[in-house]
């Protein structure tokens, strides 16, 4: 990185932090609840926990966050975790994640695996597992938690009539450190599930750890080399075939950023592109970039008859960030 690039990113970071903290859209009380009456679906969303059995802080963060979700005035219908459950894909940390869910989660948890859960096998000599073994563990532990019998790292769940589609890495030809690999079968699965889920006009929520190339500021935050490109996999093309589709990702550690920062620097935390709504979740467990950077960050997703609200929150402190709220109309 050149000096000019460093100072540019430093300026964007400081402005994003400063503007997000200024409560120009008002202040919400630190009470967990939905923003309007007649909420049809209330979902808590977090990503990038990066759990390690040797790190009690991140374990404590997840316990506290799940406890706070359980105290919501409007009951939580589901919790969505968008990948990087662990830091190194080791089995003890994966087991710890599901132990915490069983002990503290107040609702069903929909889990996607991330690059750290599979691609970082053997990283820093923390584990001697292969990526194939990590993939098998991800599937096995989810099956034990959910009572299902999946053979793949992708699946769907229906919560109160709303479909959630989870995509994941399939470790093709040994896989890649930080990238996702997908078979044609997974892409066909996505297409079929979207057709079924949107047939009655309901929104459908697709969860994948990886952002799409150039969406939500991916090209600014990670340099444009960490997203799912259309040349590799036609995910974006498939999403755009249907109405009321929401794509929820993690991976970028982009923090919570005010709407104005997203507009100025083309890195919104939520945006609509060609009719598809894209949501980039901040990192829950460790360092974020830009905007609000500390741990405990996530967002509440609220579904109403004609719109969906997206409201970032810190689950450790209870702070809401109205400057980064979005409302998306349903068609």
C-alpha atoms as a PDB file:
ATOM      1  CA  UNK A   1       0.000   0.000   0.000  1.00  0.00           C
ATOM      2  CA  UNK A   2       1.358   3.397  -0.973  1.00  0.00           C
ATOM      3  CA  UNK A   3       1.389   6.362   1.397  1.00  0.00           C
ATOM      4  CA  UNK A   4      -1.407   8.008  -0.591  1.00  0.00           C
ATOM      5  CA  UNK A   5      -3.565   4.877  -0.335  1.00  0.00           C
ATOM      6  CA  UNK A   6      -2.872   4.593   3.400  1.00  0.00           C
ATOM      7  CA  UNK A   7      -3.926   8.168   4.100  1.00  0.00           C
ATOM      8  CA  UNK A   8      -7.028   7.773   1.931  1.00  0.00           C
ATOM      9  CA  UNK A   9      -8.165   4.695   3.847  1.00  0.00           C
ATOM     10  CA  UNK A  10      -7.315   6.355   7.167  1.00  0.00           C
ATOM     11  CA  UNK A  11      -9.453   9.360   6.200  1.00  0.00           C
ATOM     12  CA  UNK A  12     -12.365   7.149   5.192  1.00  0.00           C
ATOM     13  CA  UNK A  13     -12.099   5.154   8.428  1.00  0.00           C
ATOM     14  CA  UNK A  14     -12.119   8.252  10.649  1.00  0.00           C
ATOM     15  CA  UNK A  15     -14.980   9.876   8.741  1.00  0.00           C
ATOM     16  CA  UNK A  16     -16.990   6.649   8.788  1.00  0.00           C
ATOM     17  CA  UNK A  17     -16.521   6.317  12.545  1.00  0.00           C
ATOM     18  CA  UNK A  18     -17.290   9.976  13.271  1.00  0.00           C
ATOM     19  CA  UNK A  19     -20.369  10.229  11.057  1.00  0.00           C
ATOM     20  CA  UNK A  20     -21.840   6.939  12.265  1.00  0.00           C
ATOM     21  CA  UNK A  21     -21.558   8.061  15.888  1.00  0.00           C
ATOM     22  CA  UNK A  22     -23.324  11.404  15.314  1.00  0.00           C
ATOM     23  CA  UNK A  23     -27.015  10.668  16.077  1.00  0.00           C
ATOM     24  CA  UNK A  24     -28.458  12.723  13.237  1.00  0.00           C
ATOM     25  CA  UNK A  25     -31.339  10.257  12.877  1.00  0.00           C
ATOM     26  CA  UNK A  26     -32.205  10.310  16.554  1.00  0.00           C
ATOM     27  CA  UNK A  27     -31.319   7.977  19.407  1.00  0.00           C
ATOM     28  CA  UNK A  28     -32.930   4.612  20.084  1.00  0.00           C
ATOM     29  CA  UNK A  29     -33.144   3.338  23.648  1.00  0.00           C
ATOM     30  CA  UNK A  30     -30.901   0.320  24.438  1.00  0.00           C
ATOM     31  CA  UNK A  31     -33.904  -2.033  24.609  1.00  0.00           C
ATOM     32  CA  UNK A  32     -34.205  -4.949  22.228  1.00  0.00           C
ATOM     33  CA  UNK A  33     -37.476  -4.781  20.359  1.00  0.00           C
ATOM     34  CA  UNK A  34     -38.806  -4.390  16.845  1.00  0.00           C
ATOM     35  CA  UNK A  35     -39.328  -0.883  15.504  1.00  0.00           C
ATOM     36  CA  UNK A  36     -42.995  -1.212  14.480  1.00  0.00           C
ATOM     37  CA  UNK A  37     -46.086  -3.188  15.475  1.00  0.00           C
ATOM     38  CA  UNK A  38     -47.268  -6.126  13.370  1.00  0.00           C
ATOM     39  CA  UNK A  39     -43.786  -7.544  12.769  1.00  0.00           C
ATOM     40  CA  UNK A  40     -44.136 -10.843  10.878  1.00  0.00           C
ATOM     41  CA  UNK A  41     -40.569 -12.130  11.363  1.00  0.00           C
ATOM     42  CA  UNK A  42     -37.826 -11.016  13.762  1.00  0.00           C
ATOM     43  CA  UNK A  43     -34.312 -12.272  12.961  1.00  0.00           C
ATOM     44  CA  UNK A  44     -31.027 -11.512  14.741  1.00  0.00           C
ATOM     45  CA  UNK A  45     -27.963 -11.623  12.470  1.00  0.00           C
ATOM     46  CA  UNK A  46     -24.278 -11.915  13.322  1.00  0.00           C
ATOM     47  CA  UNK A  47     -21.151 -13.053  11.504  1.00  0.00           C
ATOM     48  CA  UNK A  48     -17.441 -13.739  11.949  1.00  0.00           C
ATOM     49  CA  UNK A  49     -17.358 -14.985  15.540  1.00  0.00           C
ATOM     50  CA  UNK A  50     -13.828 -16.417  15.122  1.00  0.00           C
ATOM     51  CA  UNK A  51     -14.168 -18.581  18.214  1.00  0.00           C
ATOM     52  CA  UNK A  52     -11.097 -20.207  19.749  1.00  0.00           C
ATOM     53  CA  UNK A  53     -11.213 -22.423  22.804  1.00  0.00           C
ATOM     54  CA  UNK A  54      -8.096 -20.623  24.061  1.00  0.00           C
ATOM     55  CA  UNK A  55      -9.769 -17.193  23.875  1.00  0.00           C
ATOM     56  CA  UNK A  56     -12.390 -16.722  26.632  1.00  0.00           C
ATOM     57  CA  UNK A  57     -13.301 -13.217  25.468  1.00  0.00           C
ATOM     58  CA  UNK A  58     -14.931 -14.241  22.201  1.00  0.00           C
ATOM     59  CA  UNK A  59     -16.712 -17.078  23.994  1.00  0.00           C
ATOM     60  CA  UNK A  60     -18.030 -14.541  26.510  1.00  0.00           C
ATOM     61  CA  UNK A  61     -19.066 -12.174  23.714  1.00  0.00           C
ATOM     62  CA  UNK A  62     -21.251 -14.847  22.125  1.00  0.00           C
ATOM     63  CA  UNK A  63     -22.800 -15.858  25.456  1.00  0.00           C
ATOM     64  CA  UNK A  64     -23.675 -12.233  26.225  1.00  0.00           C
ATOM     65  CA  UNK A  65     -25.097 -11.595  22.774  1.00  0.00           C
ATOM     66  CA  UNK A  66     -27.308 -14.683  22.859  1.00  0.00           C
ATOM     67  CA  UNK A  67     -28.508 -13.750  26.347  1.00  0.00           C
ATOM     68  CA  UNK A  68     -29.456 -10.264  25.145  1.00  0.00           C
ATOM     69  CA  UNK A  69     -31.350 -11.709  22.190  1.00  0.00           C
ATOM     70  CA  UNK A  70     -33.302 -13.829  24.658  1.00  0.00           C
ATOM     71  CA  UNK A  71     -34.468 -10.692  26.466  1.00  0.00           C
ATOM     72  CA  UNK A  72     -36.032  -9.109  23.391  1.00  0.00           C
ATOM     73  CA  UNK A  73     -39.496  -7.672  24.109  1.00  0.00           C
ATOM     74  CA  UNK A  74     -40.689  -9.162  20.825  1.00  0.00           C
ATOM     75  CA  UNK A  75     -39.565 -12.807  20.751  1.00  0.00           C
ATOM     76  CA  UNK A  76     -36.802 -13.654  18.317  1.00  0.00           C
ATOM     77  CA  UNK A  77     -37.929 -16.040  15.563  1.00  0.00           C
ATOM     78  CA  UNK A  78     -34.460 -17.048  14.315  1.00  0.00           C
ATOM     79  CA  UNK A  79     -30.780 -16.249  14.603  1.00  0.00           C
ATOM     80  CA  UNK A  80     -28.622 -16.212  11.480  1.00  0.00           C
ATOM     81  CA  UNK A  81     -24.830 -16.646  11.663  1.00  0.00           C
ATOM     82  CA  UNK A  82     -23.050 -15.859   8.395  1.00  0.00           C
ATOM     83  CA  UNK A  83     -19.830 -17.806   8.752  1.00  0.00           C
ATOM     84  CA  UNK A  84     -16.380 -17.855  10.344  1.00  0.00           C
ATOM     85  CA  UNK A  85     -17.738 -19.567  13.417  1.00  0.00           C
ATOM     86  CA  UNK A  86     -14.171 -20.496  14.346  1.00  0.00           C
ATOM     87  CA  UNK A  87     -10.771 -18.956  13.703  1.00  0.00           C
ATOM     88  CA  UNK A  88      -8.909 -22.058  12.531  1.00  0.00           C
ATOM     89  CA  UNK A  89     -11.507 -24.702  11.723  1.00  0.00           C
ATOM     90  CA  UNK A  90     -10.448 -26.862  14.670  1.00  0.00           C
ATOM     91  CA  UNK A  91     -12.968 -29.342  16.005  1.00  0.00           C
ATOM     92  CA  UNK A  92     -12.893 -28.188  19.682  1.00  0.00           C
ATOM     93  CA  UNK A  93     -13.817 -24.624  18.649  1.00  0.00           C
ATOM     94  CA  UNK A  94     -16.593 -25.886  16.363  1.00  0.00           C
ATOM     95  CA  UNK A  95     -17.920 -28.026  19.199  1.00  0.00           C
ATOM     96  CA  UNK A  96     -17.787 -24.964  21.491  1.00  0.00           C
ATOM     97  CA  UNK A  97     -19.918 -22.978  19.024  1.00  0.00           C
ATOM     98  CA  UNK A  98     -22.709 -25.537  19.054  1.00  0.00           C
ATOM     99  CA  UNK A  99     -22.456 -25.990  22.811  1.00  0.00           C
ATOM    100  CA  UNK A 100     -23.059 -22.250  23.234  1.00  0.00           C
ATOM    101  CA  UNK A 101     -26.053 -22.399  20.887  1.00  0.00           C
ATOM    102  CA  UNK A 102     -27.617 -25.246  22.838  1.00  0.00           C
ATOM    103  CA  UNK A 103     -27.060 -23.480  26.164  1.00  0.00           C
ATOM    104  CA  UNK A 104     -27.900 -19.880  25.311  1.00  0.00           C
ATOM    105  CA  UNK A 105     -29.651 -19.393  21.929  1.00  0.00           C
ATOM    106  CA  UNK A 106     -33.283 -18.297  22.410  1.00  0.00           C
ATOM    107  CA  UNK A 107     -34.356 -19.408  18.925  1.00  0.00           C
ATOM    108  CA  UNK A 108     -33.397 -21.692  16.071  1.00  0.00           C
ATOM    109  CA  UNK A 109     -29.969 -20.809  14.649  1.00  0.00           C
ATOM    110  CA  UNK A 110     -29.296 -20.906  10.906  1.00  0.00           C
ATOM    111  CA  UNK A 111     -25.567 -21.375  10.371  1.00  0.00           C
ATOM    112  CA  UNK A 112     -23.379 -20.808   7.319  1.00  0.00           C
ATOM    113  CA  UNK A 113     -19.720 -21.865   7.317  1.00  0.00           C
ATOM    114  CA  UNK A 114     -16.962 -19.442   6.316  1.00  0.00           C
ATOM    115  CA  UNK A 115     -13.436 -19.575   4.953  1.00  0.00           C
ATOM    116  CA  UNK A 116     -11.931 -19.806   8.451  1.00  0.00           C
ATOM    117  CA  UNK A 117     -14.070 -22.866   9.184  1.00  0.00           C
ATOM    118  CA  UNK A 118     -12.792 -24.755   6.141  1.00  0.00           C
ATOM    119  CA  UNK A 119     -10.123 -22.912   4.168  1.00  0.00           C
ATOM    120  CA  UNK A 120      -7.866 -22.095   7.103  1.00  0.00           C
ATOM    121  CA  UNK A 121      -7.286 -25.716   8.078  1.00  0.00           C
ATOM    122  CA  UNK A 122      -3.645 -26.005   9.178  1.00  0.00           C
ATOM    123  CA  UNK A 123      -3.287 -22.229   9.550  1.00  0.00           C
ATOM    124  CA  UNK A 124      -0.474 -21.366  11.997  1.00  0.00           C
ATOM    125  CA  UNK A 125      -0.214 -25.032  12.987  1.00  0.00           C
ATOM    126  CA  UNK A 126      -3.429 -24.760  15.002  1.00  0.00           C
ATOM    127  CA  UNK A 127      -4.787 -27.964  13.479  1.00  0.00           C
ATOM    128  CA  UNK A 128      -3.555 -30.788  11.284  1.00  0.00           C
ATOM    129  CA  UNK A 129      -6.970 -31.340   9.680  1.00  0.00           C
ATOM    130  CA  UNK A 130      -7.371 -31.177   5.911  1.00  0.00           C
ATOM    131  CA  UNK A 131      -9.951 -28.900   4.344  1.00  0.00           C
ATOM    132  CA  UNK A 132     -11.990 -31.955   3.389  1.00  0.00           C
ATOM    133  CA  UNK A 133     -12.005 -33.038   7.038  1.00  0.00           C
ATOM    134  CA  UNK A 134     -13.049 -29.547   8.150  1.00  0.00           C
ATOM    135  CA  UNK A 135     -15.880 -29.586   5.616  1.00  0.00           C
ATOM    136  CA  UNK A 136     -17.052 -32.969   6.922  1.00  0.00           C
ATOM    137  CA  UNK A 137     -16.984 -31.637  10.493  1.00  0.00           C
ATOM    138  CA  UNK A 138     -19.027 -28.570   9.535  1.00  0.00           C
ATOM    139  CA  UNK A 139     -21.735 -30.778   8.025  1.00  0.00           C
ATOM    140  CA  UNK A 140     -21.668 -33.329  10.862  1.00  0.00           C
ATOM    141  CA  UNK A 141     -21.919 -30.793  13.669  1.00  0.00           C
ATOM    142  CA  UNK A 142     -24.773 -28.948  11.956  1.00  0.00           C
ATOM    143  CA  UNK A 143     -26.635 -32.244  11.505  1.00  0.00           C
ATOM    144  CA  UNK A 144     -26.197 -33.078  15.185  1.00  0.00           C
ATOM    145  CA  UNK A 145     -27.488 -29.644  16.179  1.00  0.00           C
ATOM    146  CA  UNK A 146     -30.416 -29.520  13.752  1.00  0.00           C
ATOM    147  CA  UNK A 147     -31.434 -33.188  13.744  1.00  0.00           C
ATOM    148  CA  UNK A 148     -31.096 -33.298   9.979  1.00  0.00           C
ATOM    149  CA  UNK A 149     -29.133 -35.648   7.736  1.00  0.00           C
ATOM    150  CA  UNK A 150     -27.497 -33.317   5.229  1.00  0.00           C
ATOM    151  CA  UNK A 151     -24.783 -34.499   2.882  1.00  0.00           C
ATOM    152  CA  UNK A 152     -23.854 -31.001   1.662  1.00  0.00           C
ATOM    153  CA  UNK A 153     -22.618 -27.696   3.017  1.00  0.00           C
ATOM    154  CA  UNK A 154     -25.699 -25.961   1.614  1.00  0.00           C
ATOM    155  CA  UNK A 155     -29.325 -26.308   2.639  1.00  0.00           C
ATOM    156  CA  UNK A 156     -32.551 -24.403   3.255  1.00  0.00           C
ATOM    157  CA  UNK A 157     -34.726 -23.793   6.307  1.00  0.00           C
ATOM    158  CA  UNK A 158     -38.240 -22.373   6.514  1.00  0.00           C
ATOM    159  CA  UNK A 159     -39.092 -20.145   9.481  1.00  0.00           C
ATOM    160  CA  UNK A 160     -42.724 -18.995   9.870  1.00  0.00           C
ATOM    161  CA  UNK A 161     -43.259 -19.504   6.141  1.00  0.00           C
ATOM    162  CA  UNK A 162     -40.102 -17.612   5.074  1.00  0.00           C
ATOM    163  CA  UNK A 163     -37.327 -19.499   3.297  1.00  0.00           C
ATOM    164  CA  UNK A 164     -33.667 -19.158   4.261  1.00  0.00           C
ATOM    165  CA  UNK A 165     -31.138 -20.555   1.781  1.00  0.00           C
ATOM    166  CA  UNK A 166     -27.605 -21.220   3.047  1.00  0.00           C
ATOM    167  CA  UNK A 167     -24.710 -21.500   0.585  1.00  0.00           C
ATOM    168  CA  UNK A 168     -21.232 -22.806   1.361  1.00  0.00           C
ATOM    169  CA  UNK A 169     -17.800 -23.884   0.195  1.00  0.00           C
ATOM    170  CA  UNK A 170     -17.565 -27.379  -1.292  1.00  0.00           C
ATOM    171  CA  UNK A 171     -13.752 -27.696  -1.347  1.00  0.00           C
ATOM    172  CA  UNK A 172     -13.418 -28.569  -5.023  1.00  0.00           C
ATOM    173  CA  UNK A 173      -9.944 -29.863  -5.978  1.00  0.00           C
ATOM    174  CA  UNK A 174      -8.570 -29.155  -2.511  1.00  0.00           C
ATOM    175  CA  UNK A 175     -10.299 -25.828  -2.104  1.00  0.00           C
ATOM    176  CA  UNK A 176      -8.687 -22.433  -1.636  1.00  0.00           C
ATOM    177  CA  UNK A 177      -7.488 -20.536   1.422  1.00  0.00           C
ATOM    178  CA  UNK A 178     -10.084 -17.754   1.354  1.00  0.00           C
ATOM    179  CA  UNK A 179     -12.320 -18.437  -1.646  1.00  0.00           C
ATOM    180  CA  UNK A 180     -15.564 -20.353  -2.053  1.00  0.00           C
ATOM    181  CA  UNK A 181     -15.931 -23.209  -4.536  1.00  0.00           C
ATOM    182  CA  UNK A 182     -19.363 -24.277  -5.747  1.00  0.00           C
ATOM    183  CA  UNK A 183     -20.605 -27.181  -7.853  1.00  0.00           C
ATOM    184  CA  UNK A 184     -23.281 -26.799 -10.543  1.00  0.00           C
ATOM    185  CA  UNK A 185     -25.529 -28.817  -8.222  1.00  0.00           C
ATOM    186  CA  UNK A 186     -25.345 -26.088  -5.567  1.00  0.00           C
ATOM    187  CA  UNK A 187     -26.170 -23.390  -8.110  1.00  0.00           C
ATOM    188  CA  UNK A 188     -29.133 -25.434  -9.381  1.00  0.00           C
ATOM    189  CA  UNK A 189     -30.243 -25.859  -5.767  1.00  0.00           C
ATOM    190  CA  UNK A 190     -30.141 -22.072  -5.272  1.00  0.00           C
ATOM    191  CA  UNK A 191     -32.248 -21.518  -8.382  1.00  0.00           C
ATOM    192  CA  UNK A 192     -34.879 -24.096  -7.366  1.00  0.00           C
ATOM    193  CA  UNK A 193     -35.135 -22.873  -3.786  1.00  0.00           C
ATOM    194  CA  UNK A 194     -35.495 -19.243  -4.873  1.00  0.00           C
ATOM    195  CA  UNK A 195     -38.269 -20.186  -7.307  1.00  0.00           C
ATOM    196  CA  UNK A 196     -40.111 -22.058  -4.573  1.00  0.00           C
ATOM    197  CA  UNK A 197     -39.561 -19.487  -1.830  1.00  0.00           C
ATOM    198  CA  UNK A 198     -40.658 -16.466  -3.854  1.00  0.00           C
ATOM    199  CA  UNK A 199     -43.668 -18.129  -5.501  1.00  0.00           C
ATOM    200  CA  UNK A 200     -46.095 -16.746  -2.912  1.00  0.00           C
ATOM    201  CA  UNK A 201     -44.597 -13.244  -2.930  1.00  0.00           C
ATOM    202  CA  UNK A 202     -42.671 -13.646   0.325  1.00  0.00           C
ATOM    203  CA  UNK A 203     -39.097 -12.382   0.619  1.00  0.00           C
ATOM    204  CA  UNK A 204     -36.379 -15.038   0.577  1.00  0.00           C
ATOM    205  CA  UNK A 205     -33.118 -14.731   2.495  1.00  0.00           C
ATOM    206  CA  UNK A 206     -29.918 -16.165   1.030  1.00  0.00           C
ATOM    207  CA  UNK A 207     -27.035 -16.465   3.482  1.00  0.00           C
ATOM    208  CA  UNK A 208     -23.462 -16.953   2.311  1.00  0.00           C
ATOM    209  CA  UNK A 209     -20.248 -15.965   4.072  1.00  0.00           C
ATOM    210  CA  UNK A 210     -18.787 -14.441   0.915  1.00  0.00           C
ATOM    211  CA  UNK A 211     -19.963 -11.133  -0.551  1.00  0.00           C
ATOM    212  CA  UNK A 212     -20.499 -10.766  -4.267  1.00  0.00           C
ATOM    213  CA  UNK A 213     -17.769  -9.011  -6.210  1.00  0.00           C
ATOM    214  CA  UNK A 214     -18.118  -5.226  -5.985  1.00  0.00           C
ATOM    215  CA  UNK A 215     -21.190  -5.275  -3.707  1.00  0.00           C
ATOM    216  CA  UNK A 216     -21.414  -3.525  -0.298  1.00  0.00           C
ATOM    217  CA  UNK A 217     -18.021  -1.926  -0.896  1.00  0.00           C
ATOM    218  CA  UNK A 218     -16.218  -5.249  -1.314  1.00  0.00           C
ATOM    219  CA  UNK A 219     -13.865  -3.669  -3.837  1.00  0.00           C
ATOM    220  CA  UNK A 220     -12.924  -0.943  -1.321  1.00  0.00           C
ATOM    221  CA  UNK A 221     -12.744  -2.946   1.898  1.00  0.00           C
ATOM    222  CA  UNK A 222     -10.916  -6.048   0.635  1.00  0.00           C
ATOM    223  CA  UNK A 223      -9.422  -4.718  -2.570  1.00  0.00           C
ATOM    224  CA  UNK A 224     -11.898  -6.440  -4.852  1.00  0.00           C
ATOM    225  CA  UNK A 225     -10.338  -9.914  -4.667  1.00  0.00           C
ATOM    226  CA  UNK A 226     -12.428 -11.693  -2.045  1.00  0.00           C
ATOM    227  CA  UNK A 227     -15.935 -11.756  -3.492  1.00  0.00           C
ATOM    228  CA  UNK A 228     -17.836 -14.218  -5.669  1.00  0.00           C
ATOM    229  CA  UNK A 229     -17.226 -13.082  -9.244  1.00  0.00           C
ATOM    230  CA  UNK A 230     -19.748 -13.664 -12.054  1.00  0.00           C
ATOM    231  CA  UNK A 231     -16.956 -15.241 -14.121  1.00  0.00           C
ATOM    232  CA  UNK A 232     -16.608 -17.985 -11.487  1.00  0.00           C
ATOM    233  CA  UNK A 233     -20.192 -18.579 -10.412  1.00  0.00           C
ATOM    234  CA  UNK A 234     -23.430 -16.958 -11.708  1.00  0.00           C
ATOM    235  CA  UNK A 235     -24.861 -16.361  -8.221  1.00  0.00           C
ATOM    236  CA  UNK A 236     -25.769 -12.745  -8.977  1.00  0.00           C
ATOM    237  CA  UNK A 237     -27.480 -13.744 -12.228  1.00  0.00           C
ATOM    238  CA  UNK A 238     -29.578 -16.346 -10.404  1.00  0.00           C
ATOM    239  CA  UNK A 239     -30.561 -13.948  -7.617  1.00  0.00           C
ATOM    240  CA  UNK A 240     -31.731 -11.348 -10.125  1.00  0.00           C
ATOM    241  CA  UNK A 241     -34.254 -13.747 -11.682  1.00  0.00           C
ATOM    242  CA  UNK A 242     -36.554 -13.376  -8.668  1.00  0.00           C
ATOM    243  CA  UNK A 243     -38.258 -10.634  -6.657  1.00  0.00           C
ATOM    244  CA  UNK A 244     -37.819  -9.828  -2.959  1.00  0.00           C
ATOM    245  CA  UNK A 245     -34.472 -11.589  -2.635  1.00  0.00           C
ATOM    246  CA  UNK A 246     -32.107 -10.648   0.199  1.00  0.00           C
ATOM    247  CA  UNK A 247     -28.446 -11.756   0.127  1.00  0.00           C
ATOM    248  CA  UNK A 248     -26.746 -11.679   3.543  1.00  0.00           C
ATOM    249  CA  UNK A 249     -22.963 -12.047   3.836  1.00  0.00           C
ATOM    250  CA  UNK A 250     -20.096 -11.515   6.265  1.00  0.00           C
ATOM    251  CA  UNK A 251     -16.349 -11.930   5.620  1.00  0.00           C
ATOM    252  CA  UNK A 252     -15.473  -8.259   5.020  1.00  0.00           C
ATOM    253  CA  UNK A 253     -15.296  -7.071   8.657  1.00  0.00           C
ATOM    254  CA  UNK A 254     -16.603  -3.752   7.377  1.00  0.00           C
ATOM    255  CA  UNK A 255     -18.051  -2.473  10.661  1.00  0.00           C
ATOM    256  CA  UNK A 256     -21.268  -0.452  10.928  1.00  0.00           C
ATOM    257  CA  UNK A 257     -21.226   2.524   8.558  1.00  0.00           C
ATOM    258  CA  UNK A 258     -23.654   5.416   8.277  1.00  0.00           C
ATOM    259  CA  UNK A 259     -25.790   5.593   5.145  1.00  0.00           C
ATOM    260  CA  UNK A 260     -24.012   8.811   4.117  1.00  0.00           C
ATOM    261  CA  UNK A 261     -20.605   7.099   4.253  1.00  0.00           C
ATOM    262  CA  UNK A 262     -21.897   4.244   2.115  1.00  0.00           C
ATOM    263  CA  UNK A 263     -23.142   6.721  -0.475  1.00  0.00           C
ATOM    264  CA  UNK A 264     -19.969   8.830  -0.540  1.00  0.00           C
ATOM    265  CA  UNK A 265     -17.432   5.997  -0.704  1.00  0.00           C
ATOM    266  CA  UNK A 266     -19.584   3.333  -2.394  1.00  0.00           C
ATOM    267  CA  UNK A 267     -19.406   0.900   0.522  1.00  0.00           C
ATOM    268  CA  UNK A 268     -22.924   0.710   1.972  1.00  0.00           C
ATOM    269  CA  UNK A 269     -23.644  -1.842   4.660  1.00  0.00           C
ATOM    270  CA  UNK A 270     -26.941  -2.519   2.832  1.00  0.00           C
ATOM    271  CA  UNK A 271     -27.987  -1.713  -0.733  1.00  0.00           C
ATOM    272  CA  UNK A 272     -30.215  -2.755  -3.617  1.00  0.00           C
ATOM    273  CA  UNK A 273     -28.657  -3.641  -6.974  1.00  0.00           C
ATOM    274  CA  UNK A 274     -30.831  -4.746  -9.907  1.00  0.00           C
ATOM    275  CA  UNK A 275     -33.702  -5.524  -7.546  1.00  0.00           C
ATOM    276  CA  UNK A 276     -31.687  -7.683  -5.109  1.00  0.00           C
ATOM    277  CA  UNK A 277     -31.017  -6.424  -1.570  1.00  0.00           C
ATOM    278  CA  UNK A 278     -27.480  -7.052  -0.309  1.00  0.00           C
ATOM    279  CA  UNK A 279     -26.607  -6.889   3.389  1.00  0.00           C
ATOM    280  CA  UNK A 280     -23.023  -7.030   4.680  1.00  0.00           C
ATOM    281  CA  UNK A 281     -22.786  -7.978   8.346  1.00  0.00           C
ATOM    282  CA  UNK A 282     -19.960  -6.603  10.492  1.00  0.00           C
ATOM    283  CA  UNK A 283     -17.578  -8.850  12.383  1.00  0.00           C
ATOM    284  CA  UNK A 284     -18.962  -9.903  15.756  1.00  0.00           C
ATOM    285  CA  UNK A 285     -15.824 -11.290  17.365  1.00  0.00           C
ATOM    286  CA  UNK A 286     -12.724  -9.314  16.359  1.00  0.00           C
ATOM    287  CA  UNK A 287     -11.532  -6.252  14.439  1.00  0.00           C
ATOM    288  CA  UNK A 288     -13.764  -4.387  11.972  1.00  0.00           C
ATOM    289  CA  UNK A 289     -12.736  -1.807   9.385  1.00  0.00           C
ATOM    290  CA  UNK A 290     -14.418   1.581   8.886  1.00  0.00           C
ATOM    291  CA  UNK A 291     -17.390   2.946  10.806  1.00  0.00           C
ATOM    292  CA  UNK A 292     -18.068   1.344  14.192  1.00  0.00           C
ATOM    293  CA  UNK A 293     -15.234  -1.113  14.723  1.00  0.00           C
ATOM    294  CA  UNK A 294     -15.640  -2.844  18.077  1.00  0.00           C
ATOM    295  CA  UNK A 295     -16.872  -6.341  18.926  1.00  0.00           C
ATOM    296  CA  UNK A 296     -20.480  -7.423  19.421  1.00  0.00           C
ATOM    297  CA  UNK A 297     -21.836  -5.886  16.213  1.00  0.00           C
ATOM    298  CA  UNK A 298     -24.676  -7.378  14.220  1.00  0.00           C
ATOM    299  CA  UNK A 299     -28.113  -6.410  12.972  1.00  0.00           C
ATOM    300  CA  UNK A 300     -31.793  -7.093  13.475  1.00  0.00           C
ATOM    301  CA  UNK A 301     -33.907  -7.922  10.427  1.00  0.00           C
ATOM    302  CA  UNK A 302     -37.637  -7.244  10.708  1.00  0.00           C
ATOM    303  CA  UNK A 303     -40.151  -8.386   8.095  1.00  0.00           C
ATOM    304  CA  UNK A 304     -43.471  -6.559   7.668  1.00  0.00           C
ATOM    305  CA  UNK A 305     -46.265  -6.938   5.156  1.00  0.00           C
ATOM    306  CA  UNK A 306     -44.825  -4.489   2.609  1.00  0.00           C
ATOM    307  CA  UNK A 307     -41.242  -3.824   3.721  1.00  0.00           C
ATOM    308  CA  UNK A 308     -38.175  -5.137   5.535  1.00  0.00           C
ATOM    309  CA  UNK A 309     -36.235  -3.137   8.138  1.00  0.00           C
ATOM    310  CA  UNK A 310     -32.493  -3.580   8.702  1.00  0.00           C
ATOM    311  CA  UNK A 311     -31.223  -2.194  12.018  1.00  0.00           C
ATOM    312  CA  UNK A 312     -27.587  -2.598  13.162  1.00  0.00           C
ATOM    313  CA  UNK A 313     -27.041  -3.129  16.888  1.00  0.00           C
ATOM    314  CA  UNK A 314     -24.243  -3.934  19.322  1.00  0.00           C
ATOM    315  CA  UNK A 315     -25.421  -7.042  21.174  1.00  0.00           C
ATOM    316  CA  UNK A 316     -22.870  -6.524  23.956  1.00  0.00           C
ATOM    317  CA  UNK A 317     -23.811  -2.948  24.862  1.00  0.00           C
ATOM    318  CA  UNK A 318     -27.369  -2.740  23.509  1.00  0.00           C
ATOM    319  CA  UNK A 319     -26.507   0.311  21.372  1.00  0.00           C
ATOM    320  CA  UNK A 320     -28.489   0.832  18.175  1.00  0.00           C
ATOM    321  CA  UNK A 321     -27.114   2.811  15.198  1.00  0.00           C
ATOM    322  CA  UNK A 322     -30.008   4.699  13.554  1.00  0.00           C
ATOM    323  CA  UNK A 323     -27.610   6.331  11.066  1.00  0.00           C
ATOM    324  CA  UNK A 324     -27.151   2.900   9.494  1.00  0.00           C
ATOM    325  CA  UNK A 325     -30.832   1.834   9.388  1.00  0.00           C
ATOM    326  CA  UNK A 326     -32.350   0.857   6.051  1.00  0.00           C
ATOM    327  CA  UNK A 327     -35.924   0.124   4.971  1.00  0.00           C
ATOM    328  CA  UNK A 328     -36.504  -1.883   1.795  1.00  0.00           C
ATOM    329  CA  UNK A 329     -39.927  -2.037   0.141  1.00  0.00           C
ATOM    330  CA  UNK A 330     -41.311  -5.396  -0.961  1.00  0.00           C
ATOM    331  CA  UNK A 331     -42.901  -5.745  -4.411  1.00  0.00           C
END
